[in-house]
Amino acid sequence: MLKHFFSLLLVAVALPSCLEPTTPEFRINEAFYLAEGNILAGGSGSEIRLSESRFETADLTFEGIEGAEVLSVRSDGRSVSWQLTDAKKGKYAPPEDFVTSPGERWSFDITLPDGTSIISEPETIPMPVEVDAVNLLFKQNSIFDEGRNRFIPRFEIFIDYQDPAGEKNYYAYDFRFWEEVIVCISCPRGRYNGVVCVSDPSVRPRYDYYCDTDECYSLTAGLATTYSSDALYDGNALRDVPIGGVTFDAIGGLLVEAELRSITEAAFDYGKVIQDLVTGSSGLNPTIPAALNGNVRNANPEGRTVLGYLGAAASGRRRSFILRTLDIGSPLTFDNNIFTEPIPPPGVPPLAPCNIPGRSSERPEGWPE
């Protein structure tokens, strides 16, 4: 639900500085588990992530958890087993035929390989609200990046939607985007052996390896989720609501999918706490709010702490495509060169796999022919 920025927040590891006027400082010395994600109305797109904190360096990192037994449990007792889809990130998803409906009440029962039992409080799936339009607007000097000490160009993303009248609605704004790639592995100072990059100091600056499919598309999630409620605009038609942006750092096609996620009030309260901390509106160096415990817990009160939120939600989605060219504006500097490994004939460098988590050879819907 809150993706990777939640982990950064907990230890004052800064998000891109353009997103934070202040940096909250927290000190967490004991390892903990993080559980986050959603069951979505309809079932498609449902996903949770399980990870474990690591304090091996000065920075906090997270390692995905493999081998967990993940069950989603409906209020009538029906349970569904979820399977690991990305070991590195600890992602789990339900079967392809998994179907849910608004109004159903679900919770999670998770057993980790070390025997830890994680339980979530039940949530009721809300009704979805559709996205009426997605608008992409290029802005040359979009936001200031302190790391680069400059304004950066972005394709700003705006959505239109109609808020239902006469009921309380809570939203999470999110997006993801696809780009076409032809290089699937780059080995700085190294060579690809068909499995991994092998260090070779004689290689400068790198060797690039083409994808093993005719077409390959990379999928990238938006940096952060933002939250809103209709307390001040119940029943209104909203236009050009900003939900984020994609940095202009490459040319070629860009397919953006905007997501308007209807969430529960409890999930909104939890997400809003994190949003306020990230943007600095909670003040300098705040204590960690109790709300960050979310709706998950270790069944053993004496066991390791479990943080995060496993929610029930409904998504409205819409896509928009734009062709990025130098006629639009000036991108950030990027290296468009391809350095292939010079192997004498008849040998050819190995091809790198396209179809791995985060990439697919299947052309995404909305990408033009």
Protein backbone atom coordinates (compact mmCIF):
# COMPACT_ATOMS: atom_id res chain seq x y z
CA MET A 1 0.00 0.00 0.00
CA LEU A 2 2.69 2.46 0.96
CA LYS A 3 5.45 0.85 -1.07
CA HIS A 4 9.13 1.51 -0.51
CA PHE A 5 8.89 5.05 0.85
CA PHE A 6 7.50 3.73 4.14
CA SER A 7 10.78 2.03 4.95
CA LEU A 8 12.73 5.17 4.14
CA LEU A 9 10.55 7.24 6.40
CA LEU A 10 11.18 5.15 9.48
CA VAL A 11 14.86 5.98 9.74
CA ALA A 12 15.14 9.41 8.20
CA VAL A 13 16.59 8.04 5.00
CA ALA A 14 15.55 10.89 2.76
CA LEU A 15 13.19 10.56 -0.13
CA PRO A 16 14.24 12.72 -3.08
CA SER A 17 14.75 16.03 -1.40
CA CYS A 18 12.24 17.78 -3.61
CA LEU A 19 9.52 15.96 -1.70
CA GLU A 20 10.50 16.94 1.82
CA PRO A 21 10.96 20.36 3.36
CA THR A 22 12.08 18.70 6.59
CA THR A 23 13.55 15.31 7.44
CA PRO A 24 12.02 13.57 10.45
CA GLU A 25 14.61 11.65 12.46
CA PHE A 26 13.71 8.34 14.03
CA ARG A 27 15.87 5.86 15.84
CA ILE A 28 14.86 2.21 15.55
CA ASN A 29 17.45 -0.22 16.84
CA GLU A 30 15.58 -3.52 16.84
CA ALA A 31 14.78 -5.54 13.74
CA PHE A 32 11.13 -5.71 12.70
CA TYR A 33 8.89 -7.10 9.97
CA LEU A 34 7.03 -4.95 7.47
CA ALA A 35 3.76 -6.08 5.88
CA GLU A 36 1.99 -3.87 3.34
CA GLY A 37 -0.39 -4.20 0.41
CA ASN A 38 -4.03 -4.56 -0.58
CA ILE A 39 -6.82 -6.88 -1.56
CA LEU A 40 -8.54 -5.10 -4.43
CA ALA A 41 -12.13 -5.26 -5.58
CA GLY A 42 -12.29 -7.64 -8.53
CA GLY A 43 -9.14 -9.43 -7.37
CA SER A 44 -6.85 -8.39 -10.23
CA GLY A 45 -3.88 -6.36 -9.01
CA SER A 46 -4.12 -7.60 -5.43
CA GLU A 47 -0.65 -7.83 -3.90
CA ILE A 48 1.14 -7.71 -0.58
CA ARG A 49 4.82 -7.38 0.31
CA LEU A 50 6.60 -8.98 3.26
CA SER A 51 10.06 -7.85 4.28
CA GLU A 52 12.49 -7.84 7.17
CA SER A 53 14.58 -4.90 8.33
CA ARG A 54 18.36 -5.07 8.18
CA PHE A 55 20.77 -2.92 10.18
CA GLU A 56 24.00 -4.20 8.70
CA THR A 57 25.12 -0.71 7.68
CA ALA A 58 24.39 2.81 8.83
CA ASP A 59 21.27 2.79 6.66
CA LEU A 60 18.20 0.67 7.21
CA THR A 61 17.47 -1.71 4.35
CA PHE A 62 14.76 -4.29 3.78
CA GLU A 63 15.02 -7.85 2.53
CA GLY A 64 12.06 -9.64 0.98
CA ILE A 65 10.79 -12.69 2.84
CA GLU A 66 10.46 -15.94 0.87
CA GLY A 67 8.66 -19.07 1.97
CA ALA A 68 5.82 -17.42 3.89
CA GLU A 69 2.41 -19.04 4.08
CA VAL A 70 -0.01 -16.26 3.14
CA LEU A 71 -3.76 -16.69 3.54
CA SER A 72 -6.43 -14.09 2.92
CA VAL A 73 -9.53 -14.91 4.96
CA ARG A 74 -13.06 -13.70 4.15
CA SER A 75 -15.54 -13.04 6.96
CA ASP A 76 -17.49 -16.21 6.08
CA GLY A 77 -14.37 -18.32 6.68
CA ARG A 78 -13.29 -18.81 3.06
CA SER A 79 -9.50 -18.69 2.77
CA VAL A 80 -7.29 -18.20 -0.27
CA SER A 81 -3.60 -19.11 -0.47
CA TRP A 82 -1.27 -16.51 -2.02
CA GLN A 83 1.95 -17.36 -3.87
CA LEU A 84 5.36 -15.71 -4.05
CA THR A 85 5.79 -13.69 -7.27
CA ASP A 86 8.99 -11.72 -6.57
CA ALA A 87 11.46 -13.20 -4.10
CA LYS A 88 13.72 -10.15 -3.98
CA LYS A 89 10.92 -7.85 -2.88
CA GLY A 90 8.87 -10.42 -0.98
CA LYS A 91 5.79 -9.94 -3.17
CA TYR A 92 2.85 -12.33 -2.92
CA ALA A 93 -0.29 -12.46 -5.07
CA PRO A 94 -3.50 -14.54 -5.12
CA PRO A 95 -4.40 -17.02 -7.88
CA GLU A 96 -5.40 -15.59 -11.28
CA ASP A 97 -9.01 -16.67 -10.73
CA PHE A 98 -9.26 -14.82 -7.41
CA VAL A 99 -12.39 -12.65 -7.43
CA THR A 100 -13.63 -10.21 -4.79
CA SER A 101 -16.50 -7.73 -4.55
CA PRO A 102 -17.12 -4.43 -2.75
CA GLY A 103 -18.69 -5.03 0.64
CA GLU A 104 -16.71 -8.21 1.33
CA ARG A 105 -14.68 -8.22 4.53
CA TRP A 106 -11.17 -9.69 4.44
CA SER A 107 -8.19 -10.14 6.74
CA PHE A 108 -4.79 -11.86 6.51
CA ASP A 109 -3.25 -14.77 8.38
CA ILE A 110 0.46 -15.06 7.57
CA THR A 111 3.05 -17.51 8.87
CA LEU A 112 6.70 -16.64 8.23
CA PRO A 113 9.40 -19.31 7.78
CA ASP A 114 10.65 -18.71 11.34
CA GLY A 115 7.18 -19.45 12.71
CA THR A 116 6.15 -15.84 13.33
CA SER A 117 2.38 -15.43 12.92
CA ILE A 118 1.20 -12.10 11.48
CA ILE A 119 -2.47 -11.20 11.79
CA SER A 120 -4.28 -8.24 10.25
CA GLU A 121 -7.51 -6.62 11.36
CA PRO A 122 -10.39 -7.15 8.90
CA GLU A 123 -11.23 -4.49 6.32
CA THR A 124 -14.30 -4.06 4.13
CA ILE A 125 -13.73 -3.45 0.41
CA PRO A 126 -15.18 -0.04 -0.57
CA MET A 127 -16.99 0.82 -3.80
CA PRO A 128 -14.64 1.93 -6.61
CA VAL A 129 -14.61 5.45 -8.07
CA GLU A 130 -13.61 5.66 -11.71
CA VAL A 131 -10.96 7.94 -13.20
CA ASP A 132 -12.64 10.02 -15.91
CA ALA A 133 -9.45 11.35 -17.52
CA VAL A 134 -5.65 11.36 -17.19
CA ASN A 135 -3.78 14.44 -18.36
CA LEU A 136 0.00 14.62 -18.85
CA LEU A 137 1.54 18.10 -18.80
CA PHE A 138 5.24 18.68 -19.38
CA LYS A 139 6.93 21.21 -17.10
CA GLN A 140 10.58 22.07 -17.73
CA ASN A 141 11.27 23.36 -14.20
CA SER A 142 8.97 21.11 -12.25
CA ILE A 143 10.43 20.56 -8.80
CA PHE A 144 13.74 21.36 -7.16
CA ASP A 145 16.05 18.42 -6.49
CA GLU A 146 18.54 19.29 -3.76
CA GLY A 147 20.71 16.30 -4.64
CA ARG A 148 21.20 17.62 -8.16
CA ASN A 149 20.95 21.25 -7.00
CA ARG A 150 18.64 22.09 -9.85
CA PHE A 151 15.06 22.06 -11.05
CA ILE A 152 14.19 18.91 -12.94
CA PRO A 153 11.86 18.45 -15.94
CA ARG A 154 8.85 16.19 -15.45
CA PHE A 155 5.67 15.00 -17.06
CA GLU A 156 3.12 16.00 -14.43
CA ILE A 157 0.13 13.68 -13.99
CA PHE A 158 -3.38 14.99 -13.32
CA ILE A 159 -6.68 13.12 -13.02
CA ASP A 160 -10.38 13.98 -13.23
CA TYR A 161 -13.05 12.11 -11.26
CA GLN A 162 -16.52 12.47 -9.79
CA ASP A 163 -16.79 12.07 -6.03
CA PRO A 164 -19.96 10.22 -4.95
CA ALA A 165 -22.35 12.45 -3.04
CA GLY A 166 -23.73 11.81 0.42
CA GLU A 167 -21.06 9.43 1.71
CA LYS A 168 -17.61 9.65 3.21
CA ASN A 169 -14.91 8.69 0.72
CA TYR A 170 -11.19 8.23 1.27
CA TYR A 171 -8.64 8.01 -1.50
CA ALA A 172 -5.05 7.05 -2.25
CA TYR A 173 -3.56 8.55 -5.42
CA ASP A 174 -0.97 6.44 -7.19
CA PHE A 175 0.51 5.75 -10.61
CA ARG A 176 2.89 3.53 -12.56
CA PHE A 177 4.44 3.78 -16.01
CA TRP A 178 5.86 1.67 -18.82
CA GLU A 179 8.85 2.35 -21.09
CA GLU A 180 10.18 0.23 -23.95
CA VAL A 181 13.73 -1.07 -23.50
CA ILE A 182 16.13 -2.89 -25.81
CA VAL A 183 18.95 -3.43 -23.28
CA CYS A 184 18.05 -5.76 -20.41
CA ILE A 185 21.42 -6.04 -18.65
CA SER A 186 24.29 -3.55 -18.29
CA CYS A 187 27.50 -4.64 -16.60
CA PRO A 188 29.67 -1.73 -15.39
CA ARG A 189 33.30 -2.85 -15.54
CA GLY A 190 32.13 -6.37 -16.22
CA ARG A 191 30.74 -9.02 -18.57
CA TYR A 192 27.46 -10.93 -18.53
CA ASN A 193 27.89 -14.71 -18.40
CA GLY A 194 24.27 -15.51 -19.12
CA VAL A 195 23.31 -15.40 -15.45
CA VAL A 196 25.05 -12.51 -13.69
CA CYS A 197 27.58 -9.77 -14.33
CA VAL A 198 31.17 -10.88 -13.72
CA SER A 199 33.67 -8.19 -12.76
CA ASP A 200 36.32 -7.37 -15.38
CA PRO A 201 38.40 -4.23 -14.76
CA SER A 202 39.40 -4.14 -18.44
CA VAL A 203 35.81 -3.28 -19.40
CA ARG A 204 35.24 0.46 -19.62
CA PRO A 205 32.72 1.83 -19.01
CA ARG A 206 30.40 -1.19 -19.35
CA TYR A 207 28.99 -3.84 -21.65
CA ASP A 208 25.31 -3.76 -22.57
CA TYR A 209 23.27 -6.84 -23.52
CA TYR A 210 20.18 -6.83 -25.67
CA CYS A 211 16.89 -8.32 -24.48
CA ASP A 212 16.04 -11.85 -25.61
CA THR A 213 12.64 -10.80 -27.02
CA ASP A 214 11.64 -8.60 -29.93
CA GLU A 215 9.80 -6.23 -27.60
CA CYS A 216 10.41 -5.55 -23.92
CA TYR A 217 8.69 -3.12 -21.57
CA SER A 218 9.84 -2.03 -18.12
CA LEU A 219 7.27 -1.19 -15.45
CA THR A 220 8.06 1.39 -12.76
CA ALA A 221 5.94 2.31 -9.77
CA GLY A 222 5.41 5.92 -8.74
CA LEU A 223 7.64 7.21 -5.97
CA ALA A 224 5.04 7.88 -3.29
CA THR A 225 1.35 7.48 -2.55
CA THR A 226 -0.67 10.55 -1.54
CA TYR A 227 -3.97 10.64 0.32
CA SER A 228 -7.19 12.64 0.31
CA SER A 229 -10.73 12.59 1.68
CA ASP A 230 -13.88 14.24 0.37
CA ALA A 231 -14.57 16.11 3.62
CA LEU A 232 -14.37 19.44 1.74
CA TYR A 233 -15.64 18.39 -1.69
CA ASP A 234 -18.35 15.77 -1.16
CA GLY A 235 -20.21 15.13 -4.40
CA ASN A 236 -18.08 17.45 -6.52
CA ALA A 237 -16.53 16.82 -9.91
CA LEU A 238 -12.78 17.21 -9.47
CA ARG A 239 -10.56 18.34 -12.32
CA ASP A 240 -6.79 18.25 -12.76
CA VAL A 241 -5.97 16.70 -9.38
CA PRO A 242 -2.14 16.32 -9.25
CA ILE A 243 -0.95 12.82 -8.34
CA GLY A 244 2.79 12.93 -9.20
CA GLY A 245 5.13 13.09 -12.14
CA VAL A 246 7.64 11.17 -14.27
CA THR A 247 11.12 12.64 -14.70
CA PHE A 248 12.10 13.47 -18.29
CA ASP A 249 15.32 11.46 -18.48
CA ALA A 250 14.82 9.45 -21.67
CA ILE A 251 13.20 9.73 -25.07
CA GLY A 252 10.63 7.38 -26.57
CA GLY A 253 7.20 6.19 -25.56
CA LEU A 254 5.82 6.67 -22.06
CA LEU A 255 2.59 4.99 -20.94
CA VAL A 256 1.23 6.20 -17.61
CA GLU A 257 -1.49 4.48 -15.60
CA ALA A 258 -3.12 6.65 -12.95
CA GLU A 259 -4.84 4.93 -10.03
CA LEU A 260 -7.57 6.33 -7.80
CA ARG A 261 -7.77 3.85 -4.94
CA SER A 262 -10.82 3.95 -2.67
CA ILE A 263 -9.68 2.97 0.82
CA THR A 264 -11.12 2.67 4.32
CA GLU A 265 -11.04 5.48 6.85
CA ALA A 266 -8.53 3.57 8.98
CA ALA A 267 -6.21 3.09 5.98
CA PHE A 268 -6.53 6.80 5.19
CA ASP A 269 -5.61 7.76 8.77
CA TYR A 270 -2.56 5.51 8.61
CA GLY A 271 -1.40 6.74 5.20
CA LYS A 272 -1.99 10.38 6.04
CA VAL A 273 0.27 10.11 9.09
CA ILE A 274 3.11 8.95 6.87
CA GLN A 275 2.36 11.56 4.20
CA ASP A 276 2.50 14.33 6.81
CA LEU A 277 5.78 13.02 8.19
CA VAL A 278 7.35 12.81 4.74
CA THR A 279 6.31 16.33 3.79
CA GLY A 280 7.41 17.68 7.16
CA SER A 281 4.00 18.98 8.23
CA SER A 282 4.26 17.05 11.49
CA GLY A 283 7.15 19.21 12.64
CA LEU A 284 10.81 18.53 13.21
CA ASN A 285 12.02 15.26 14.68
CA PRO A 286 8.64 13.90 15.75
CA THR A 287 8.21 10.74 17.76
CA ILE A 288 6.93 7.74 15.86
CA PRO A 289 3.11 7.89 16.00
CA ALA A 290 1.24 4.89 17.36
CA ALA A 291 -0.68 4.87 14.06
CA LEU A 292 2.40 3.50 12.31
CA ASN A 293 1.62 0.15 13.89
CA GLY A 294 -1.14 -0.03 11.29
CA ASN A 295 -3.58 -2.93 11.33
CA VAL A 296 -1.04 -5.76 11.56
CA ARG A 297 0.48 -7.39 14.61
CA ASN A 298 2.54 -10.32 15.76
CA ALA A 299 0.21 -12.94 17.27
CA ASN A 300 2.89 -13.35 19.95
CA PRO A 301 3.03 -10.06 21.90
CA GLU A 302 6.55 -10.93 23.04
CA GLY A 303 7.78 -11.54 19.51
CA ARG A 304 9.38 -9.22 16.98
CA THR A 305 7.49 -6.06 16.10
CA VAL A 306 5.36 -6.08 12.94
CA LEU A 307 4.61 -2.78 11.20
CA GLY A 308 2.59 -1.90 8.12
CA TYR A 309 -0.94 -2.03 6.75
CA LEU A 310 -2.80 -4.74 4.85
CA GLY A 311 -5.88 -3.10 3.44
CA ALA A 312 -8.97 -3.73 1.36
CA ALA A 313 -9.47 -1.29 -1.51
CA ALA A 314 -11.09 -0.68 -4.88
CA SER A 315 -9.23 0.90 -7.79
CA GLY A 316 -10.26 3.12 -10.64
CA ARG A 317 -7.56 3.23 -13.33
CA ARG A 318 -6.96 4.99 -16.63
CA ARG A 319 -3.94 5.19 -18.95
CA SER A 320 -2.41 7.88 -21.14
CA PHE A 321 0.43 7.61 -23.67
CA ILE A 322 2.88 10.30 -24.75
CA LEU A 323 5.88 10.19 -27.08
CA ARG A 324 8.85 11.90 -25.44
CA THR A 325 10.95 13.84 -27.95
CA LEU A 326 13.53 16.60 -27.75
CA ASP A 327 10.93 18.92 -29.28
CA ILE A 328 9.03 18.81 -25.98
CA GLY A 329 11.85 20.20 -23.86
CA SER A 330 15.29 19.52 -22.44
CA PRO A 331 15.65 16.21 -20.58
CA LEU A 332 18.14 15.43 -17.87
CA THR A 333 21.45 14.25 -19.26
CA PHE A 334 21.31 10.56 -20.14
CA ASP A 335 23.65 8.11 -21.83
CA ASN A 336 21.97 6.73 -24.95
CA ASN A 337 25.05 4.80 -26.12
CA ILE A 338 25.07 1.00 -26.28
CA PHE A 339 28.37 -0.79 -25.70
CA THR A 340 28.18 -4.39 -26.90
CA GLU A 341 30.75 -6.99 -25.99
CA PRO A 342 33.19 -7.54 -28.90
CA ILE A 343 33.16 -11.31 -29.29
CA PRO A 344 34.87 -12.59 -32.47
CA PRO A 345 32.61 -14.39 -35.02
CA PRO A 346 30.82 -16.70 -34.91
CA GLY A 347 30.37 -16.02 -31.20
CA VAL A 348 27.77 -13.50 -30.09
CA PRO A 349 27.22 -11.94 -26.66
CA PRO A 350 24.50 -13.63 -24.63
CA LEU A 351 21.05 -12.08 -24.62
CA ALA A 352 19.57 -11.00 -21.31
CA PRO A 353 16.10 -12.08 -20.16
CA CYS A 354 13.26 -9.64 -20.65
CA ASN A 355 10.59 -11.50 -18.69
CA ILE A 356 11.57 -10.94 -15.09
CA PRO A 357 9.71 -9.06 -12.32
CA GLY A 358 9.37 -5.46 -13.46
CA ARG A 359 9.73 -6.28 -17.18
CA SER A 360 7.58 -8.06 -19.73
CA SER A 361 7.64 -8.87 -23.43
CA GLU A 362 3.86 -8.39 -23.55
CA ARG A 363 2.89 -5.02 -24.99
CA PRO A 364 0.85 -3.20 -22.31
CA GLU A 365 -2.70 -2.19 -23.15
CA GLY A 366 -2.69 1.41 -24.33
CA TRP A 367 0.70 1.22 -26.01
CA PRO A 368 0.18 2.11 -29.71
CA GLU A 369 0.92 -0.40 -32.47
